[in-house]
Amino acid sequence: MSLYPYKVFQCIVEQGSFASAAQALGVTPSSVSHTISKLEEELGFPLFVRSRGKSALTESGKILLPSILNYINTESKLEQACADINGLERGSVSIGAFNSVTMSWLPSIIKLYKQAYPNIEIHIKQAGYSAILDDVNNGLLDIGFVTKDTAPKRDMIPLCRDPLLCITPKNYFRRTKHMSHAMKSEICR
């Protein structure tokens, strides 16, 4: 069983459309469509609902998604183990981060990482907290940067304590005198 159709499947899920997946994979959209059609024929049911410009997983596709991602990850781990035995450091890491982390932290982190591990491919997905958490849970991302409140029951490595600030006009608090203490506390939650 070839791994390629499953990687195409994964790419469509990540990119959201056949055309975007084709571009990411460096192949034609018809090649992506043919690969998925052949996979669906092999499996005996459709994996995607195709609509103009977008593709969504069918219920069957949603059921198979974790197994397919596990299959791809297992294959990747096998390749990595073989490379390690041969003394090579190869592979890839997928990172999900929200905008401020992508802009401020990741460039210097990636620069240092690439110096130490030049043969490791790094893929970055910029998204919101819940999308990052979902992608980590589904095996689409290896690492996700989120807030502690986003995933309270997950293993996490705290990176920093960053105060959240609200900037207001000079007379803002004079205008909010009529607000009750409970309302102000709710805002500060």
C-alpha atoms as a PDB file:
ATOM      1  CA  MET A   1       0.000   0.000   0.000  1.00  0.00           C
ATOM      2  CA  SER A   2       1.530   3.310  -1.107  1.00  0.00           C
ATOM      3  CA  LEU A   3       1.763   6.150   1.392  1.00  0.00           C
ATOM      4  CA  TYR A   4       1.447   8.883  -1.250  1.00  0.00           C
ATOM      5  CA  PRO A   5      -2.387   8.890  -1.538  1.00  0.00           C
ATOM      6  CA  TYR A   6      -2.631   9.303   2.226  1.00  0.00           C
ATOM      7  CA  LYS A   7      -0.186  12.208   2.151  1.00  0.00           C
ATOM      8  CA  VAL A   8      -2.322  13.798  -0.569  1.00  0.00           C
ATOM      9  CA  PHE A   9      -5.378  13.223   1.659  1.00  0.00           C
ATOM     10  CA  GLN A  10      -3.575  14.898   4.575  1.00  0.00           C
ATOM     11  CA  CYS A  11      -2.532  17.842   2.414  1.00  0.00           C
ATOM     12  CA  ILE A  12      -6.117  18.434   1.229  1.00  0.00           C
ATOM     13  CA  VAL A  13      -7.304  18.407   4.857  1.00  0.00           C
ATOM     14  CA  GLU A  14      -4.586  20.900   5.825  1.00  0.00           C
ATOM     15  CA  GLN A  15      -5.030  23.168   2.793  1.00  0.00           C
ATOM     16  CA  GLY A  16      -8.817  23.032   2.540  1.00  0.00           C
ATOM     17  CA  SER A  17      -9.027  22.428  -1.204  1.00  0.00           C
ATOM     18  CA  PHE A  18      -7.706  20.219  -3.976  1.00  0.00           C
ATOM     19  CA  ALA A  19      -6.201  23.203  -5.814  1.00  0.00           C
ATOM     20  CA  SER A  20      -4.335  24.468  -2.727  1.00  0.00           C
ATOM     21  CA  ALA A  21      -3.115  20.948  -1.973  1.00  0.00           C
ATOM     22  CA  ALA A  22      -1.876  20.590  -5.554  1.00  0.00           C
ATOM     23  CA  GLN A  23       0.048  23.834  -5.230  1.00  0.00           C
ATOM     24  CA  ALA A  24       1.550  22.773  -1.887  1.00  0.00           C
ATOM     25  CA  LEU A  25       2.553  19.386  -3.321  1.00  0.00           C
ATOM     26  CA  GLY A  26       3.874  20.842  -6.562  1.00  0.00           C
ATOM     27  CA  VAL A  27       1.560  18.791  -8.778  1.00  0.00           C
ATOM     28  CA  THR A  28      -1.476  19.556 -10.939  1.00  0.00           C
ATOM     29  CA  PRO A  29      -4.996  19.714  -9.460  1.00  0.00           C
ATOM     30  CA  SER A  30      -6.032  16.891 -11.806  1.00  0.00           C
ATOM     31  CA  SER A  31      -3.248  14.727 -10.343  1.00  0.00           C
ATOM     32  CA  VAL A  32      -4.565  15.362  -6.827  1.00  0.00           C
ATOM     33  CA  SER A  33      -8.121  14.661  -7.948  1.00  0.00           C
ATOM     34  CA  HIS A  34      -7.072  11.448  -9.711  1.00  0.00           C
ATOM     35  CA  THR A  35      -5.099  10.253  -6.653  1.00  0.00           C
ATOM     36  CA  ILE A  36      -8.054  10.821  -4.321  1.00  0.00           C
ATOM     37  CA  SER A  37     -10.559   9.298  -6.756  1.00  0.00           C
ATOM     38  CA  LYS A  38      -8.391   6.187  -6.983  1.00  0.00           C
ATOM     39  CA  LEU A  39      -8.080   6.038  -3.165  1.00  0.00           C
ATOM     40  CA  GLU A  40     -11.854   6.450  -2.760  1.00  0.00           C
ATOM     41  CA  GLU A  41     -12.402   3.683  -5.317  1.00  0.00           C
ATOM     42  CA  GLU A  42      -9.992   1.440  -3.404  1.00  0.00           C
ATOM     43  CA  LEU A  43     -11.713   2.166  -0.083  1.00  0.00           C
ATOM     44  CA  GLY A  44     -15.227   1.907  -1.483  1.00  0.00           C
ATOM     45  CA  PHE A  45     -16.573   5.264  -0.292  1.00  0.00           C
ATOM     46  CA  PRO A  46     -15.999   9.006  -0.797  1.00  0.00           C
ATOM     47  CA  LEU A  47     -13.620  10.877   1.490  1.00  0.00           C
ATOM     48  CA  PHE A  48     -14.398  14.457   0.445  1.00  0.00           C
ATOM     49  CA  VAL A  49     -17.382  16.550  -0.485  1.00  0.00           C
ATOM     50  CA  ARG A  50     -16.101  18.689  -3.322  1.00  0.00           C
ATOM     51  CA  SER A  51     -17.559  22.124  -3.822  1.00  0.00           C
ATOM     52  CA  ARG A  52     -16.400  25.142  -5.750  1.00  0.00           C
ATOM     53  CA  GLY A  53     -12.975  26.037  -4.352  1.00  0.00           C
ATOM     54  CA  LYS A  54     -13.310  24.075  -1.110  1.00  0.00           C
ATOM     55  CA  SER A  55     -13.275  20.481   0.045  1.00  0.00           C
ATOM     56  CA  ALA A  56     -14.749  19.100   3.242  1.00  0.00           C
ATOM     57  CA  LEU A  57     -14.381  15.651   4.723  1.00  0.00           C
ATOM     58  CA  THR A  58     -17.345  13.298   4.478  1.00  0.00           C
ATOM     59  CA  GLU A  59     -18.404  11.499   7.657  1.00  0.00           C
ATOM     60  CA  SER A  60     -16.358   8.497   6.470  1.00  0.00           C
ATOM     61  CA  GLY A  61     -13.372  10.794   5.878  1.00  0.00           C
ATOM     62  CA  LYS A  62     -13.723  12.201   9.392  1.00  0.00           C
ATOM     63  CA  ILE A  63     -13.774   8.682  10.824  1.00  0.00           C
ATOM     64  CA  LEU A  64     -10.631   7.695   8.888  1.00  0.00           C
ATOM     65  CA  LEU A  65      -8.708  10.929   9.534  1.00  0.00           C
ATOM     66  CA  PRO A  66      -7.084   9.862  12.847  1.00  0.00           C
ATOM     67  CA  SER A  67      -6.099   6.440  11.448  1.00  0.00           C
ATOM     68  CA  ILE A  68      -4.636   7.943   8.279  1.00  0.00           C
ATOM     69  CA  LEU A  69      -2.670  10.525  10.255  1.00  0.00           C
ATOM     70  CA  ASN A  70      -1.424   7.779  12.564  1.00  0.00           C
ATOM     71  CA  TYR A  71      -0.361   5.711   9.533  1.00  0.00           C
ATOM     72  CA  ILE A  72       1.549   8.671   8.067  1.00  0.00           C
ATOM     73  CA  ASN A  73       3.162   9.485  11.435  1.00  0.00           C
ATOM     74  CA  THR A  74       4.166   5.851  11.955  1.00  0.00           C
ATOM     75  CA  GLU A  75       5.787   5.768   8.519  1.00  0.00           C
ATOM     76  CA  SER A  76       7.553   9.039   9.274  1.00  0.00           C
ATOM     77  CA  LYS A  77       8.837   7.675  12.603  1.00  0.00           C
ATOM     78  CA  LEU A  78      10.132   4.568  10.823  1.00  0.00           C
ATOM     79  CA  GLU A  79      11.981   6.729   8.284  1.00  0.00           C
ATOM     80  CA  GLN A  80      13.377   8.867  11.126  1.00  0.00           C
ATOM     81  CA  ALA A  81      14.541   5.783  13.054  1.00  0.00           C
ATOM     82  CA  CYS A  82      16.300   4.442   9.953  1.00  0.00           C
ATOM     83  CA  ALA A  83      17.934   7.836   9.383  1.00  0.00           C
ATOM     84  CA  ASP A  84      19.059   7.920  13.031  1.00  0.00           C
ATOM     85  CA  ILE A  85      20.624   4.477  12.697  1.00  0.00           C
ATOM     86  CA  ASN A  86      22.483   5.694   9.626  1.00  0.00           C
ATOM     87  CA  GLY A  87      23.660   8.773  11.526  1.00  0.00           C
ATOM     88  CA  LEU A  88      21.465  11.179   9.600  1.00  0.00           C
ATOM     89  CA  GLU A  89      19.194  13.787  11.054  1.00  0.00           C
ATOM     90  CA  ARG A  90      16.297  14.045   8.646  1.00  0.00           C
ATOM     91  CA  GLY A  91      12.593  14.498   8.886  1.00  0.00           C
ATOM     92  CA  SER A  92      10.149  17.266   9.443  1.00  0.00           C
ATOM     93  CA  VAL A  93       8.392  19.070  12.229  1.00  0.00           C
ATOM     94  CA  SER A  94       5.043  20.834  11.926  1.00  0.00           C
ATOM     95  CA  ILE A  95       4.410  23.815  14.178  1.00  0.00           C
ATOM     96  CA  GLY A  96       1.158  25.632  14.829  1.00  0.00           C
ATOM     97  CA  ALA A  97       1.235  29.125  16.273  1.00  0.00           C
ATOM     98  CA  PHE A  98      -0.926  32.183  16.601  1.00  0.00           C
ATOM     99  CA  ASN A  99       0.077  35.436  14.939  1.00  0.00           C
ATOM    100  CA  SER A 100       2.225  37.058  17.641  1.00  0.00           C
ATOM    101  CA  VAL A 101       4.287  33.906  18.217  1.00  0.00           C
ATOM    102  CA  THR A 102       4.730  33.427  14.469  1.00  0.00           C
ATOM    103  CA  MET A 103       5.953  36.998  14.091  1.00  0.00           C
ATOM    104  CA  SER A 104       8.042  37.488  17.224  1.00  0.00           C
ATOM    105  CA  TRP A 105       9.362  34.158  18.529  1.00  0.00           C
ATOM    106  CA  LEU A 106       9.535  31.675  15.688  1.00  0.00           C
ATOM    107  CA  PRO A 107      11.987  33.442  13.358  1.00  0.00           C
ATOM    108  CA  SER A 108      14.848  33.340  15.890  1.00  0.00           C
ATOM    109  CA  ILE A 109      13.894  29.869  17.166  1.00  0.00           C
ATOM    110  CA  ILE A 110      13.807  28.468  13.631  1.00  0.00           C
ATOM    111  CA  LYS A 111      17.092  30.137  12.715  1.00  0.00           C
ATOM    112  CA  LEU A 112      18.872  28.474  15.662  1.00  0.00           C
ATOM    113  CA  TYR A 113      17.149  25.143  15.020  1.00  0.00           C
ATOM    114  CA  LYS A 114      18.105  25.166  11.319  1.00  0.00           C
ATOM    115  CA  GLN A 115      21.736  25.829  12.251  1.00  0.00           C
ATOM    116  CA  ALA A 116      21.739  22.771  14.520  1.00  0.00           C
ATOM    117  CA  TYR A 117      19.550  20.549  12.292  1.00  0.00           C
ATOM    118  CA  PRO A 118      19.826  21.713   8.660  1.00  0.00           C
ATOM    119  CA  ASN A 119      18.163  18.603   7.213  1.00  0.00           C
ATOM    120  CA  ILE A 120      14.958  18.918   9.218  1.00  0.00           C
ATOM    121  CA  GLU A 121      12.082  20.499   7.300  1.00  0.00           C
ATOM    122  CA  ILE A 122       9.975  22.932   9.293  1.00  0.00           C
ATOM    123  CA  HIS A 123       6.331  23.553   8.423  1.00  0.00           C
ATOM    124  CA  ILE A 124       4.454  26.390  10.101  1.00  0.00           C
ATOM    125  CA  LYS A 125       0.711  26.850  10.290  1.00  0.00           C
ATOM    126  CA  GLN A 126      -0.599  30.126  11.607  1.00  0.00           C
ATOM    127  CA  ALA A 127      -4.039  29.721  13.186  1.00  0.00           C
ATOM    128  CA  GLY A 128      -6.183  30.411  16.231  1.00  0.00           C
ATOM    129  CA  TYR A 129      -5.917  28.568  19.531  1.00  0.00           C
ATOM    130  CA  SER A 130      -8.728  26.053  18.959  1.00  0.00           C
ATOM    131  CA  ALA A 131      -7.570  25.202  15.416  1.00  0.00           C
ATOM    132  CA  ILE A 132      -4.027  24.608  16.699  1.00  0.00           C
ATOM    133  CA  LEU A 133      -5.295  22.389  19.512  1.00  0.00           C
ATOM    134  CA  ASP A 134      -7.490  20.402  17.104  1.00  0.00           C
ATOM    135  CA  ASP A 135      -4.576  19.918  14.695  1.00  0.00           C
ATOM    136  CA  VAL A 136      -2.262  18.722  17.495  1.00  0.00           C
ATOM    137  CA  ASN A 137      -4.971  16.319  18.689  1.00  0.00           C
ATOM    138  CA  ASN A 138      -5.496  15.019  15.140  1.00  0.00           C
ATOM    139  CA  GLY A 139      -1.785  14.556  14.453  1.00  0.00           C
ATOM    140  CA  LEU A 140      -1.572  17.335  11.841  1.00  0.00           C
ATOM    141  CA  LEU A 141       0.860  19.315  14.016  1.00  0.00           C
ATOM    142  CA  ASP A 142       3.778  18.103  16.122  1.00  0.00           C
ATOM    143  CA  ILE A 143       3.928  21.225  18.289  1.00  0.00           C
ATOM    144  CA  GLY A 144       1.352  23.897  19.050  1.00  0.00           C
ATOM    145  CA  PHE A 145       1.702  27.243  20.763  1.00  0.00           C
ATOM    146  CA  VAL A 146      -1.486  28.066  22.696  1.00  0.00           C
ATOM    147  CA  THR A 147      -2.522  29.661  25.970  1.00  0.00           C
ATOM    148  CA  LYS A 148      -2.869  27.570  29.114  1.00  0.00           C
ATOM    149  CA  ASP A 149      -6.621  28.183  29.211  1.00  0.00           C
ATOM    150  CA  THR A 150      -7.049  26.712  25.730  1.00  0.00           C
ATOM    151  CA  ALA A 151      -6.094  23.192  26.789  1.00  0.00           C
ATOM    152  CA  PRO A 152      -6.102  22.893  30.584  1.00  0.00           C
ATOM    153  CA  LYS A 153      -5.912  19.073  30.592  1.00  0.00           C
ATOM    154  CA  ARG A 154      -2.968  18.761  28.197  1.00  0.00           C
ATOM    155  CA  ASP A 155       0.711  18.374  29.005  1.00  0.00           C
ATOM    156  CA  MET A 156       2.313  21.743  28.422  1.00  0.00           C
ATOM    157  CA  ILE A 157       5.630  23.447  28.785  1.00  0.00           C
ATOM    158  CA  PRO A 158       5.138  27.013  30.049  1.00  0.00           C
ATOM    159  CA  LEU A 159       7.241  29.406  27.994  1.00  0.00           C
ATOM    160  CA  CYS A 160       6.532  32.750  29.633  1.00  0.00           C
ATOM    161  CA  ARG A 161       4.114  34.744  31.737  1.00  0.00           C
ATOM    162  CA  ASP A 162       2.902  37.529  29.544  1.00  0.00           C
ATOM    163  CA  PRO A 163       0.653  40.168  31.074  1.00  0.00           C
ATOM    164  CA  LEU A 164      -2.413  41.036  29.058  1.00  0.00           C
ATOM    165  CA  LEU A 165      -2.881  44.774  28.783  1.00  0.00           C
ATOM    166  CA  CYS A 166      -5.769  46.928  27.678  1.00  0.00           C
ATOM    167  CA  ILE A 167      -4.888  50.356  26.353  1.00  0.00           C
ATOM    168  CA  THR A 168      -7.614  52.969  26.747  1.00  0.00           C
ATOM    169  CA  PRO A 169      -8.050  56.683  26.096  1.00  0.00           C
ATOM    170  CA  LYS A 170      -7.035  58.990  28.966  1.00  0.00           C
ATOM    171  CA  ASN A 171     -10.601  59.622  30.130  1.00  0.00           C
ATOM    172  CA  TYR A 172     -11.893  56.060  29.680  1.00  0.00           C
ATOM    173  CA  PHE A 173     -12.272  55.185  33.359  1.00  0.00           C
ATOM    174  CA  ARG A 174     -14.103  58.432  34.076  1.00  0.00           C
ATOM    175  CA  ARG A 175     -16.659  57.372  31.477  1.00  0.00           C
ATOM    176  CA  THR A 176     -17.049  53.942  33.119  1.00  0.00           C
ATOM    177  CA  LYS A 177     -17.888  55.228  36.613  1.00  0.00           C
ATOM    178  CA  HIS A 178     -21.483  54.223  36.035  1.00  0.00           C
ATOM    179  CA  MET A 179     -20.397  50.586  35.510  1.00  0.00           C
ATOM    180  CA  SER A 180     -20.860  48.347  38.500  1.00  0.00           C
ATOM    181  CA  HIS A 181     -17.855  46.647  40.098  1.00  0.00           C
ATOM    182  CA  ALA A 182     -19.241  43.278  38.899  1.00  0.00           C
ATOM    183  CA  MET A 183     -19.268  44.516  35.291  1.00  0.00           C
ATOM    184  CA  LYS A 184     -15.673  45.731  35.572  1.00  0.00           C
ATOM    185  CA  SER A 185     -14.635  42.406  37.121  1.00  0.00           C
ATOM    186  CA  GLU A 186     -16.315  40.533  34.265  1.00  0.00           C
ATOM    187  CA  ILE A 187     -14.287  42.548  31.753  1.00  0.00           C
ATOM    188  CA  CYS A 188     -11.099  41.689  33.629  1.00  0.00           C
ATOM    189  CA  ARG A 189     -11.741  37.956  33.598  1.00  0.00           C
END
